[in-house]
Amino acid sequence: MRVGAVLGVAGTVFVAVKYGYRNGVGFLAGAGLSILNFHGLRRVVEGLSPDQKAGFRASPLFWALRYFIFFGVGYAIVKLLEISLMPILAGLFVAAAAILVEILFELTHGK
């Protein structure tokens, strides 16, 4: 997920320069949550394979708690650090943007 990290850092720098450092921190937090969520989903999907060593199986309790934790982190960022919600929401799209960049790269340079 190197593309996601690059997009997250580039987006953070852009948002910080254009809208201020607080919004940059919010974007970085959203991007971090996005990449963390993608990584967790990837590991769960790998756990669905017949080979048990590939990933891990997650219980429904894990899924519910994970999104409550993400919500709690977002709430704390907005309320305690007084950062706007919009940069956090924009940062949450970093993983989707990274996937689109990877698709476009494979379509143009794939073998």
N, C-alpha and C. Protein backbone atom coordinates (compact mmCIF):
# COMPACT_ATOMS: atom_id res chain seq x y z
N MET A 1 0.83 -1.18 0.00
CA MET A 1 0.00 0.00 0.00
C MET A 1 0.87 1.25 0.00
N ARG A 2 1.99 1.16 -0.72
CA ARG A 2 2.89 2.30 -0.82
C ARG A 2 2.23 3.48 -1.52
N VAL A 3 1.41 3.18 -2.51
CA VAL A 3 0.72 4.26 -3.24
C VAL A 3 -0.20 5.02 -2.29
N GLY A 4 -0.86 4.31 -1.41
CA GLY A 4 -1.72 4.95 -0.42
C GLY A 4 -0.93 5.85 0.52
N ALA A 5 0.24 5.39 0.94
CA ALA A 5 1.08 6.21 1.81
C ALA A 5 1.54 7.47 1.10
N VAL A 6 1.93 7.33 -0.15
CA VAL A 6 2.37 8.49 -0.93
C VAL A 6 1.22 9.47 -1.11
N LEU A 7 0.04 8.96 -1.46
CA LEU A 7 -1.12 9.83 -1.63
C LEU A 7 -1.51 10.50 -0.30
N GLY A 8 -1.40 9.78 0.79
CA GLY A 8 -1.71 10.34 2.09
C GLY A 8 -0.76 11.48 2.47
N VAL A 9 0.53 11.27 2.25
CA VAL A 9 1.51 12.30 2.58
C VAL A 9 1.35 13.50 1.65
N ALA A 10 1.19 13.24 0.35
CA ALA A 10 1.02 14.34 -0.61
C ALA A 10 -0.25 15.13 -0.31
N GLY A 11 -1.33 14.44 -0.01
CA GLY A 11 -2.57 15.11 0.34
C GLY A 11 -2.46 15.91 1.62
N THR A 12 -1.74 15.37 2.59
CA THR A 12 -1.54 16.07 3.85
C THR A 12 -0.77 17.37 3.64
N VAL A 13 0.29 17.29 2.85
CA VAL A 13 1.08 18.50 2.57
C VAL A 13 0.22 19.53 1.84
N PHE A 14 -0.54 19.09 0.84
CA PHE A 14 -1.39 20.00 0.09
C PHE A 14 -2.43 20.66 0.99
N VAL A 15 -3.11 19.87 1.79
CA VAL A 15 -4.16 20.40 2.67
C VAL A 15 -3.55 21.32 3.72
N ALA A 16 -2.40 20.96 4.27
CA ALA A 16 -1.76 21.79 5.29
C ALA A 16 -1.34 23.14 4.71
N VAL A 17 -0.79 23.15 3.49
CA VAL A 17 -0.36 24.40 2.88
C VAL A 17 -1.56 25.26 2.50
N LYS A 18 -2.59 24.65 1.94
CA LYS A 18 -3.73 25.42 1.43
C LYS A 18 -4.72 25.81 2.53
N TYR A 19 -4.96 24.93 3.51
CA TYR A 19 -6.02 25.16 4.50
C TYR A 19 -5.54 25.24 5.94
N GLY A 20 -4.26 25.07 6.18
CA GLY A 20 -3.73 25.17 7.54
C GLY A 20 -3.33 23.81 8.10
N TYR A 21 -2.47 23.87 9.09
CA TYR A 21 -1.90 22.63 9.62
C TYR A 21 -2.94 21.77 10.34
N ARG A 22 -3.94 22.38 10.97
CA ARG A 22 -4.97 21.58 11.66
C ARG A 22 -5.73 20.71 10.67
N ASN A 23 -6.09 21.28 9.55
CA ASN A 23 -6.78 20.49 8.53
C ASN A 23 -5.85 19.44 7.93
N GLY A 24 -4.57 19.76 7.83
CA GLY A 24 -3.59 18.77 7.37
C GLY A 24 -3.50 17.58 8.30
N VAL A 25 -3.53 17.85 9.60
CA VAL A 25 -3.52 16.77 10.60
C VAL A 25 -4.79 15.94 10.48
N GLY A 26 -5.92 16.60 10.24
CA GLY A 26 -7.18 15.87 10.06
C GLY A 26 -7.13 14.96 8.83
N PHE A 27 -6.58 15.48 7.73
CA PHE A 27 -6.46 14.67 6.53
C PHE A 27 -5.53 13.48 6.78
N LEU A 28 -4.43 13.72 7.46
CA LEU A 28 -3.49 12.63 7.76
C LEU A 28 -4.15 11.57 8.64
N ALA A 29 -4.95 11.99 9.60
CA ALA A 29 -5.66 11.03 10.45
C ALA A 29 -6.65 10.20 9.63
N GLY A 30 -7.40 10.86 8.75
CA GLY A 30 -8.33 10.14 7.88
C GLY A 30 -7.62 9.17 6.95
N ALA A 31 -6.49 9.62 6.40
CA ALA A 31 -5.72 8.75 5.51
C ALA A 31 -5.17 7.54 6.27
N GLY A 32 -4.70 7.77 7.49
CA GLY A 32 -4.20 6.67 8.30
C GLY A 32 -5.28 5.66 8.62
N LEU A 33 -6.46 6.14 8.99
CA LEU A 33 -7.58 5.23 9.26
C LEU A 33 -7.98 4.47 8.00
N SER A 34 -7.93 5.14 6.86
CA SER A 34 -8.29 4.50 5.59
C SER A 34 -7.33 3.36 5.25
N ILE A 35 -6.05 3.63 5.39
CA ILE A 35 -5.04 2.61 5.08
C ILE A 35 -5.11 1.47 6.10
N LEU A 36 -5.33 1.80 7.35
CA LEU A 36 -5.47 0.78 8.39
C LEU A 36 -6.68 -0.11 8.12
N ASN A 37 -7.79 0.50 7.73
CA ASN A 37 -9.00 -0.26 7.41
C ASN A 37 -8.76 -1.17 6.21
N PHE A 38 -8.11 -0.66 5.17
CA PHE A 38 -7.81 -1.48 4.00
C PHE A 38 -6.92 -2.66 4.36
N HIS A 39 -5.92 -2.41 5.18
CA HIS A 39 -5.02 -3.49 5.59
C HIS A 39 -5.77 -4.57 6.37
N GLY A 40 -6.67 -4.15 7.25
CA GLY A 40 -7.47 -5.12 8.01
C GLY A 40 -8.39 -5.92 7.10
N LEU A 41 -9.03 -5.25 6.14
CA LEU A 41 -9.90 -5.97 5.21
C LEU A 41 -9.11 -6.97 4.37
N ARG A 42 -7.91 -6.57 3.94
CA ARG A 42 -7.08 -7.47 3.14
C ARG A 42 -6.69 -8.71 3.94
N ARG A 43 -6.37 -8.53 5.21
CA ARG A 43 -5.99 -9.68 6.04
C ARG A 43 -7.18 -10.62 6.27
N VAL A 44 -8.35 -10.06 6.41
CA VAL A 44 -9.54 -10.89 6.62
C VAL A 44 -9.84 -11.68 5.35
N VAL A 45 -9.74 -11.05 4.20
CA VAL A 45 -9.98 -11.75 2.94
C VAL A 45 -8.95 -12.86 2.74
N GLU A 46 -7.70 -12.58 3.09
CA GLU A 46 -6.69 -13.64 3.02
C GLU A 46 -7.02 -14.78 3.97
N GLY A 47 -7.67 -14.50 5.08
CA GLY A 47 -8.06 -15.52 6.04
C GLY A 47 -9.18 -16.42 5.54
N LEU A 48 -9.87 -15.99 4.49
CA LEU A 48 -10.93 -16.82 3.92
C LEU A 48 -10.39 -17.94 3.04
N SER A 49 -9.12 -17.92 2.73
CA SER A 49 -8.54 -18.96 1.89
C SER A 49 -8.44 -20.26 2.68
N PRO A 50 -8.36 -21.39 1.98
CA PRO A 50 -8.25 -22.67 2.68
C PRO A 50 -6.97 -22.79 3.50
N ASP A 51 -5.92 -22.09 3.08
CA ASP A 51 -4.67 -22.12 3.82
C ASP A 51 -4.79 -21.20 5.03
N GLN A 52 -4.81 -21.74 6.23
CA GLN A 52 -5.04 -20.96 7.45
C GLN A 52 -3.88 -20.02 7.76
N LYS A 53 -2.70 -20.26 7.21
CA LYS A 53 -1.56 -19.41 7.50
C LYS A 53 -1.61 -18.09 6.73
N ALA A 54 -2.49 -17.96 5.77
CA ALA A 54 -2.51 -16.78 4.91
C ALA A 54 -3.02 -15.54 5.64
N GLY A 55 -3.93 -15.66 6.56
CA GLY A 55 -4.51 -14.49 7.22
C GLY A 55 -5.13 -14.88 8.54
N PHE A 56 -6.13 -14.17 8.95
CA PHE A 56 -6.82 -14.53 10.18
C PHE A 56 -8.32 -14.42 9.96
N ARG A 57 -9.03 -15.17 10.76
CA ARG A 57 -10.50 -15.11 10.70
C ARG A 57 -10.97 -14.16 11.78
N ALA A 58 -11.87 -13.26 11.39
CA ALA A 58 -12.37 -12.27 12.34
C ALA A 58 -13.79 -12.62 12.75
N SER A 59 -14.07 -12.44 14.01
CA SER A 59 -15.41 -12.69 14.51
C SER A 59 -16.28 -11.46 14.22
N PRO A 60 -17.60 -11.63 14.24
CA PRO A 60 -18.48 -10.47 14.06
C PRO A 60 -18.27 -9.40 15.14
N LEU A 61 -17.89 -9.81 16.33
CA LEU A 61 -17.60 -8.85 17.39
C LEU A 61 -16.41 -7.97 17.01
N PHE A 62 -15.41 -8.57 16.39
CA PHE A 62 -14.26 -7.80 15.93
C PHE A 62 -14.69 -6.74 14.92
N TRP A 63 -15.55 -7.11 13.98
CA TRP A 63 -16.01 -6.15 12.97
C TRP A 63 -16.76 -5.00 13.61
N ALA A 64 -17.64 -5.29 14.54
CA ALA A 64 -18.43 -4.24 15.19
C ALA A 64 -17.52 -3.33 16.02
N LEU A 65 -16.64 -3.90 16.79
CA LEU A 65 -15.75 -3.11 17.63
C LEU A 65 -14.80 -2.26 16.80
N ARG A 66 -14.36 -2.79 15.68
CA ARG A 66 -13.42 -2.05 14.84
C ARG A 66 -14.02 -0.75 14.36
N TYR A 67 -15.24 -0.78 13.90
CA TYR A 67 -15.86 0.45 13.41
C TYR A 67 -16.23 1.39 14.54
N PHE A 68 -16.55 0.87 15.72
CA PHE A 68 -16.76 1.74 16.87
C PHE A 68 -15.47 2.43 17.28
N ILE A 69 -14.35 1.71 17.19
CA ILE A 69 -13.06 2.31 17.50
C ILE A 69 -12.73 3.41 16.49
N PHE A 70 -12.96 3.14 15.20
CA PHE A 70 -12.71 4.15 14.18
C PHE A 70 -13.60 5.38 14.41
N PHE A 71 -14.85 5.16 14.74
CA PHE A 71 -15.76 6.26 15.02
C PHE A 71 -15.27 7.06 16.23
N GLY A 72 -14.83 6.35 17.26
CA GLY A 72 -14.33 7.01 18.46
C GLY A 72 -13.10 7.85 18.19
N VAL A 73 -12.19 7.33 17.39
CA VAL A 73 -10.99 8.10 17.03
C VAL A 73 -11.38 9.35 16.24
N GLY A 74 -12.28 9.20 15.29
CA GLY A 74 -12.74 10.36 14.51
C GLY A 74 -13.42 11.39 15.39
N TYR A 75 -14.25 10.93 16.30
CA TYR A 75 -14.95 11.84 17.22
C TYR A 75 -13.95 12.58 18.10
N ALA A 76 -12.94 11.87 18.60
CA ALA A 76 -11.94 12.51 19.44
C ALA A 76 -11.14 13.55 18.66
N ILE A 77 -10.82 13.25 17.42
CA ILE A 77 -10.09 14.20 16.61
C ILE A 77 -10.91 15.46 16.39
N VAL A 78 -12.18 15.29 16.08
CA VAL A 78 -13.04 16.45 15.81
C VAL A 78 -13.30 17.25 17.08
N LYS A 79 -13.65 16.60 18.16
CA LYS A 79 -14.05 17.31 19.39
C LYS A 79 -12.86 17.78 20.24
N LEU A 80 -11.92 16.91 20.49
CA LEU A 80 -10.83 17.27 21.39
C LEU A 80 -9.78 18.14 20.72
N LEU A 81 -9.44 17.83 19.48
CA LEU A 81 -8.42 18.61 18.78
C LEU A 81 -9.01 19.76 17.97
N GLU A 82 -10.34 19.84 17.94
CA GLU A 82 -11.06 20.89 17.23
C GLU A 82 -10.63 21.00 15.77
N ILE A 83 -10.63 19.87 15.09
CA ILE A 83 -10.30 19.80 13.67
C ILE A 83 -11.60 19.56 12.92
N SER A 84 -11.74 20.21 11.78
CA SER A 84 -12.95 20.08 10.97
C SER A 84 -13.14 18.64 10.50
N LEU A 85 -14.38 18.25 10.31
CA LEU A 85 -14.71 16.89 9.88
C LEU A 85 -14.37 16.66 8.40
N MET A 86 -14.45 17.69 7.57
CA MET A 86 -14.26 17.52 6.13
C MET A 86 -12.87 16.98 5.74
N PRO A 87 -11.77 17.48 6.30
CA PRO A 87 -10.48 16.89 5.92
C PRO A 87 -10.34 15.44 6.35
N ILE A 88 -10.96 15.07 7.46
CA ILE A 88 -10.91 13.68 7.91
C ILE A 88 -11.66 12.80 6.91
N LEU A 89 -12.83 13.26 6.51
CA LEU A 89 -13.61 12.50 5.52
C LEU A 89 -12.87 12.41 4.19
N ALA A 90 -12.21 13.48 3.78
CA ALA A 90 -11.43 13.44 2.54
C ALA A 90 -10.29 12.44 2.66
N GLY A 91 -9.65 12.39 3.81
CA GLY A 91 -8.56 11.45 4.02
C GLY A 91 -9.02 10.00 3.98
N LEU A 92 -10.28 9.77 4.34
CA LEU A 92 -10.80 8.40 4.32
C LEU A 92 -10.88 7.83 2.89
N PHE A 93 -10.80 8.68 1.90
CA PHE A 93 -10.84 8.22 0.51
C PHE A 93 -9.46 7.89 -0.06
N VAL A 94 -8.42 7.98 0.74
CA VAL A 94 -7.07 7.72 0.26
C VAL A 94 -6.91 6.28 -0.24
N ALA A 95 -7.43 5.32 0.47
CA ALA A 95 -7.30 3.92 0.04
C ALA A 95 -8.02 3.69 -1.28
N ALA A 96 -9.20 4.28 -1.46
CA ALA A 96 -9.93 4.14 -2.73
C ALA A 96 -9.15 4.79 -3.87
N ALA A 97 -8.56 5.96 -3.60
CA ALA A 97 -7.76 6.62 -4.64
C ALA A 97 -6.52 5.79 -4.98
N ALA A 98 -5.90 5.19 -3.98
CA ALA A 98 -4.72 4.35 -4.22
C ALA A 98 -5.09 3.13 -5.06
N ILE A 99 -6.24 2.56 -4.81
CA ILE A 99 -6.69 1.41 -5.60
C ILE A 99 -6.91 1.82 -7.05
N LEU A 100 -7.52 2.99 -7.26
CA LEU A 100 -7.73 3.47 -8.64
C LEU A 100 -6.41 3.74 -9.35
N VAL A 101 -5.44 4.31 -8.64
CA VAL A 101 -4.12 4.56 -9.24
C VAL A 101 -3.47 3.24 -9.61
N GLU A 102 -3.55 2.23 -8.75
CA GLU A 102 -2.98 0.92 -9.05
C GLU A 102 -3.66 0.29 -10.26
N ILE A 103 -4.98 0.42 -10.36
CA ILE A 103 -5.71 -0.13 -11.51
C ILE A 103 -5.26 0.54 -12.79
N LEU A 104 -5.16 1.88 -12.77
CA LEU A 104 -4.74 2.61 -13.96
C LEU A 104 -3.31 2.24 -14.34
N PHE A 105 -2.45 2.07 -13.35
CA PHE A 105 -1.07 1.67 -13.64
C PHE A 105 -1.02 0.30 -14.30
N GLU A 106 -1.77 -0.64 -13.76
CA GLU A 106 -1.79 -2.00 -14.33
C GLU A 106 -2.38 -2.01 -15.73
N LEU A 107 -3.40 -1.18 -15.99
CA LEU A 107 -3.99 -1.12 -17.31
C LEU A 107 -3.04 -0.55 -18.34
N THR A 108 -2.21 0.41 -17.92
CA THR A 108 -1.30 1.05 -18.88
C THR A 108 0.07 0.37 -18.98
N HIS A 109 0.52 -0.22 -17.88
CA HIS A 109 1.86 -0.81 -17.87
C HIS A 109 1.88 -2.30 -17.59
N GLY A 110 0.72 -2.91 -17.41
CA GLY A 110 0.66 -4.34 -17.08
C GLY A 110 1.10 -5.20 -18.25
N LYS A 111 1.53 -6.39 -17.93
CA LYS A 111 2.00 -7.31 -18.98
C LYS A 111 0.98 -8.37 -19.26
